[in-house]
Amino acid sequence: EIYALGIEREILRRIQSMRKELELINTDKISVAVSGDKKLMKIATESKHIPKIANCSKVCEKLAKSDLEKDWDIEGKKLKISLKKE
């Protein structure tokens, strides 16, 4: 459980970095998708904290279209995060 919270924070940090890169403000709603390592994806999609803090409806596994996609290395595992402004 503590490991999952740490991973959530790492994913959130990357999402916030991507929001900044897209020049979004806190009130801008986004859609988030993750793909890659199954364990990281499970933590991200089941998180209750990420949608609240990142201001997204939910974290899913696929977006039809995204505004920004980035590959990240978290704990030695690969995770692709995609964002789309709603």
N, C-alpha and C. Protein backbone atom coordinates (compact mmCIF):
# COMPACT_ATOMS: atom_id res chain seq x y z
N GLU A 1 0.83 -1.20 0.00
CA GLU A 1 0.00 0.00 0.00
C GLU A 1 0.87 1.27 0.00
N ILE A 2 1.92 1.28 0.78
CA ILE A 2 2.83 2.42 0.81
C ILE A 2 3.54 2.55 -0.53
N TYR A 3 3.90 1.40 -1.11
CA TYR A 3 4.53 1.40 -2.45
C TYR A 3 3.58 2.03 -3.46
N ALA A 4 2.30 1.65 -3.42
CA ALA A 4 1.31 2.18 -4.36
C ALA A 4 1.16 3.69 -4.21
N LEU A 5 1.17 4.19 -2.98
CA LEU A 5 1.08 5.64 -2.76
C LEU A 5 2.28 6.38 -3.34
N GLY A 6 3.46 5.79 -3.19
CA GLY A 6 4.66 6.39 -3.76
C GLY A 6 4.59 6.43 -5.28
N ILE A 7 4.09 5.36 -5.88
CA ILE A 7 3.94 5.30 -7.34
C ILE A 7 2.91 6.33 -7.80
N GLU A 8 1.80 6.45 -7.07
CA GLU A 8 0.78 7.45 -7.40
C GLU A 8 1.41 8.84 -7.44
N ARG A 9 2.22 9.16 -6.46
CA ARG A 9 2.87 10.48 -6.40
C ARG A 9 3.80 10.69 -7.59
N GLU A 10 4.54 9.64 -7.95
CA GLU A 10 5.44 9.75 -9.10
C GLU A 10 4.65 9.99 -10.39
N ILE A 11 3.55 9.27 -10.56
CA ILE A 11 2.71 9.44 -11.75
C ILE A 11 2.10 10.83 -11.75
N LEU A 12 1.61 11.28 -10.61
CA LEU A 12 1.04 12.63 -10.49
C LEU A 12 2.06 13.70 -10.84
N ARG A 13 3.28 13.52 -10.37
CA ARG A 13 4.34 14.50 -10.67
C ARG A 13 4.55 14.61 -12.17
N ARG A 14 4.52 13.48 -12.86
CA ARG A 14 4.70 13.49 -14.31
C ARG A 14 3.50 14.11 -15.02
N ILE A 15 2.30 13.81 -14.55
CA ILE A 15 1.09 14.41 -15.14
C ILE A 15 1.13 15.93 -14.97
N GLN A 16 1.50 16.39 -13.78
CA GLN A 16 1.56 17.84 -13.52
C GLN A 16 2.62 18.50 -14.41
N SER A 17 3.73 17.81 -14.63
CA SER A 17 4.78 18.33 -15.51
C SER A 17 4.25 18.46 -16.95
N MET A 18 3.47 17.48 -17.38
CA MET A 18 2.90 17.52 -18.72
C MET A 18 1.84 18.61 -18.84
N ARG A 19 1.06 18.81 -17.77
CA ARG A 19 0.07 19.90 -17.76
C ARG A 19 0.78 21.25 -17.94
N LYS A 20 1.90 21.40 -17.25
CA LYS A 20 2.67 22.64 -17.34
C LYS A 20 3.19 22.83 -18.76
N GLU A 21 3.67 21.74 -19.36
CA GLU A 21 4.19 21.80 -20.73
C GLU A 21 3.10 22.23 -21.73
N LEU A 22 1.85 21.81 -21.46
CA LEU A 22 0.72 22.20 -22.31
C LEU A 22 0.16 23.57 -21.93
N GLU A 23 0.76 24.19 -20.91
CA GLU A 23 0.33 25.50 -20.41
C GLU A 23 -1.13 25.49 -19.95
N LEU A 24 -1.51 24.43 -19.25
CA LEU A 24 -2.86 24.33 -18.70
C LEU A 24 -2.87 24.93 -17.30
N ILE A 25 -4.02 25.45 -16.91
CA ILE A 25 -4.18 25.97 -15.56
C ILE A 25 -4.91 24.93 -14.71
N ASN A 26 -4.92 25.13 -13.39
CA ASN A 26 -5.49 24.14 -12.48
C ASN A 26 -6.93 23.78 -12.78
N THR A 27 -7.70 24.73 -13.27
CA THR A 27 -9.12 24.48 -13.51
C THR A 27 -9.39 23.77 -14.85
N ASP A 28 -8.38 23.68 -15.72
CA ASP A 28 -8.56 22.97 -16.99
C ASP A 28 -8.70 21.47 -16.73
N LYS A 29 -9.81 20.91 -17.21
CA LYS A 29 -10.07 19.48 -17.05
C LYS A 29 -9.32 18.72 -18.14
N ILE A 30 -8.79 17.55 -17.78
CA ILE A 30 -8.05 16.74 -18.74
C ILE A 30 -8.53 15.29 -18.73
N SER A 31 -8.19 14.57 -19.78
CA SER A 31 -8.35 13.12 -19.82
C SER A 31 -6.94 12.55 -19.78
N VAL A 32 -6.77 11.45 -19.06
CA VAL A 32 -5.46 10.83 -18.91
C VAL A 32 -5.55 9.35 -19.27
N ALA A 33 -4.57 8.88 -20.03
CA ALA A 33 -4.45 7.45 -20.34
C ALA A 33 -3.04 7.00 -20.04
N VAL A 34 -2.91 5.76 -19.60
CA VAL A 34 -1.60 5.19 -19.32
C VAL A 34 -1.47 3.85 -20.03
N SER A 35 -0.25 3.54 -20.45
CA SER A 35 0.02 2.23 -21.03
C SER A 35 1.46 1.85 -20.70
N GLY A 36 1.73 0.57 -20.71
CA GLY A 36 3.08 0.10 -20.40
C GLY A 36 3.04 -0.98 -19.35
N ASP A 37 3.85 -0.82 -18.31
CA ASP A 37 3.96 -1.81 -17.25
C ASP A 37 2.60 -2.05 -16.58
N LYS A 38 2.21 -3.31 -16.50
CA LYS A 38 0.87 -3.68 -15.97
C LYS A 38 0.67 -3.24 -14.53
N LYS A 39 1.70 -3.38 -13.70
CA LYS A 39 1.57 -3.02 -12.29
C LYS A 39 1.37 -1.51 -12.13
N LEU A 40 2.14 -0.72 -12.87
CA LEU A 40 1.99 0.74 -12.82
C LEU A 40 0.63 1.16 -13.36
N MET A 41 0.19 0.51 -14.44
CA MET A 41 -1.13 0.82 -15.02
C MET A 41 -2.24 0.54 -14.02
N LYS A 42 -2.15 -0.59 -13.32
CA LYS A 42 -3.17 -0.96 -12.33
C LYS A 42 -3.25 0.08 -11.22
N ILE A 43 -2.08 0.51 -10.72
CA ILE A 43 -2.05 1.52 -9.66
C ILE A 43 -2.67 2.82 -10.16
N ALA A 44 -2.32 3.24 -11.38
CA ALA A 44 -2.82 4.51 -11.92
C ALA A 44 -4.33 4.47 -12.18
N THR A 45 -4.82 3.39 -12.78
CA THR A 45 -6.24 3.33 -13.15
C THR A 45 -7.14 3.12 -11.94
N GLU A 46 -6.62 2.52 -10.87
CA GLU A 46 -7.44 2.28 -9.68
C GLU A 46 -7.30 3.38 -8.62
N SER A 47 -6.45 4.35 -8.88
CA SER A 47 -6.20 5.42 -7.91
C SER A 47 -7.41 6.34 -7.75
N LYS A 48 -7.68 6.70 -6.50
CA LYS A 48 -8.72 7.69 -6.22
C LYS A 48 -8.11 9.09 -6.10
N HIS A 49 -6.80 9.15 -5.85
CA HIS A 49 -6.12 10.44 -5.66
C HIS A 49 -5.77 11.13 -6.98
N ILE A 50 -5.32 10.37 -7.96
CA ILE A 50 -4.86 10.98 -9.22
C ILE A 50 -5.96 11.80 -9.89
N PRO A 51 -7.17 11.28 -10.05
CA PRO A 51 -8.21 12.11 -10.71
C PRO A 51 -8.51 13.41 -9.95
N LYS A 52 -8.54 13.34 -8.62
CA LYS A 52 -8.84 14.54 -7.83
C LYS A 52 -7.74 15.59 -7.97
N ILE A 53 -6.51 15.18 -7.78
CA ILE A 53 -5.39 16.12 -7.77
C ILE A 53 -5.07 16.63 -9.17
N ALA A 54 -5.14 15.75 -10.17
CA ALA A 54 -4.79 16.14 -11.54
C ALA A 54 -5.96 16.77 -12.29
N ASN A 55 -7.14 16.83 -11.66
CA ASN A 55 -8.35 17.39 -12.27
C ASN A 55 -8.71 16.68 -13.58
N CYS A 56 -8.80 15.34 -13.47
CA CYS A 56 -9.24 14.56 -14.63
C CYS A 56 -10.42 13.70 -14.21
N SER A 57 -11.25 13.34 -15.19
CA SER A 57 -12.43 12.55 -14.88
C SER A 57 -12.05 11.16 -14.39
N LYS A 58 -11.09 10.52 -15.07
CA LYS A 58 -10.57 9.23 -14.64
C LYS A 58 -9.29 8.94 -15.43
N VAL A 59 -8.59 7.93 -15.00
CA VAL A 59 -7.40 7.48 -15.71
C VAL A 59 -7.78 6.19 -16.42
N CYS A 60 -7.64 6.18 -17.73
CA CYS A 60 -8.03 5.00 -18.51
C CYS A 60 -6.82 4.42 -19.23
N GLU A 61 -7.05 3.40 -20.04
CA GLU A 61 -5.95 2.74 -20.73
C GLU A 61 -5.74 3.25 -22.15
N LYS A 62 -6.71 4.00 -22.70
CA LYS A 62 -6.54 4.47 -24.07
C LYS A 62 -7.37 5.71 -24.33
N LEU A 63 -6.79 6.65 -25.08
CA LEU A 63 -7.51 7.84 -25.54
C LEU A 63 -7.58 7.78 -27.06
N ALA A 64 -8.69 8.23 -27.62
CA ALA A 64 -8.82 8.26 -29.07
C ALA A 64 -7.79 9.21 -29.67
N LYS A 65 -7.59 10.35 -29.02
CA LYS A 65 -6.64 11.34 -29.49
C LYS A 65 -6.05 12.05 -28.28
N SER A 66 -4.77 12.39 -28.35
CA SER A 66 -4.16 13.08 -27.21
C SER A 66 -3.44 14.34 -27.67
N ASP A 67 -3.29 15.27 -26.73
CA ASP A 67 -2.55 16.51 -27.00
C ASP A 67 -1.06 16.34 -26.73
N LEU A 68 -0.71 15.41 -25.83
CA LEU A 68 0.68 15.19 -25.48
C LEU A 68 0.85 13.76 -24.98
N GLU A 69 1.87 13.08 -25.47
CA GLU A 69 2.23 11.74 -25.01
C GLU A 69 3.70 11.73 -24.63
N LYS A 70 4.01 11.10 -23.53
CA LYS A 70 5.41 11.00 -23.10
C LYS A 70 5.66 9.63 -22.50
N ASP A 71 6.86 9.12 -22.75
CA ASP A 71 7.32 7.89 -22.12
C ASP A 71 8.12 8.25 -20.88
N TRP A 72 7.81 7.58 -19.78
CA TRP A 72 8.49 7.84 -18.52
C TRP A 72 9.10 6.55 -17.98
N ASP A 73 10.12 6.69 -17.17
CA ASP A 73 10.72 5.57 -16.47
C ASP A 73 10.42 5.78 -14.99
N ILE A 74 9.63 4.89 -14.42
CA ILE A 74 9.27 4.97 -13.00
C ILE A 74 9.70 3.68 -12.33
N GLU A 75 10.62 3.79 -11.38
CA GLU A 75 11.13 2.62 -10.68
C GLU A 75 11.69 1.57 -11.64
N GLY A 76 12.29 2.01 -12.73
CA GLY A 76 12.88 1.10 -13.70
C GLY A 76 11.87 0.45 -14.64
N LYS A 77 10.62 0.90 -14.57
CA LYS A 77 9.56 0.36 -15.43
C LYS A 77 9.07 1.45 -16.36
N LYS A 78 8.67 1.07 -17.55
CA LYS A 78 8.22 2.03 -18.57
C LYS A 78 6.72 2.30 -18.44
N LEU A 79 6.36 3.58 -18.56
CA LEU A 79 4.95 3.97 -18.55
C LEU A 79 4.76 5.13 -19.52
N LYS A 80 3.82 4.99 -20.43
CA LYS A 80 3.48 6.06 -21.36
C LYS A 80 2.24 6.75 -20.81
N ILE A 81 2.33 8.08 -20.69
CA ILE A 81 1.19 8.87 -20.21
C ILE A 81 0.74 9.77 -21.34
N SER A 82 -0.57 9.76 -21.60
CA SER A 82 -1.17 10.60 -22.64
C SER A 82 -2.17 11.55 -21.98
N LEU A 83 -2.15 12.82 -22.40
CA LEU A 83 -3.07 13.82 -21.87
C LEU A 83 -3.85 14.46 -23.01
N LYS A 84 -5.09 14.79 -22.71
CA LYS A 84 -5.93 15.54 -23.66
C LYS A 84 -6.75 16.52 -22.86
N LYS A 85 -6.74 17.78 -23.30
CA LYS A 85 -7.58 18.79 -22.64
C LYS A 85 -9.02 18.55 -23.06
N GLU A 86 -9.90 18.57 -22.07
CA GLU A 86 -11.33 18.34 -22.36
C GLU A 86 -12.02 19.63 -22.72
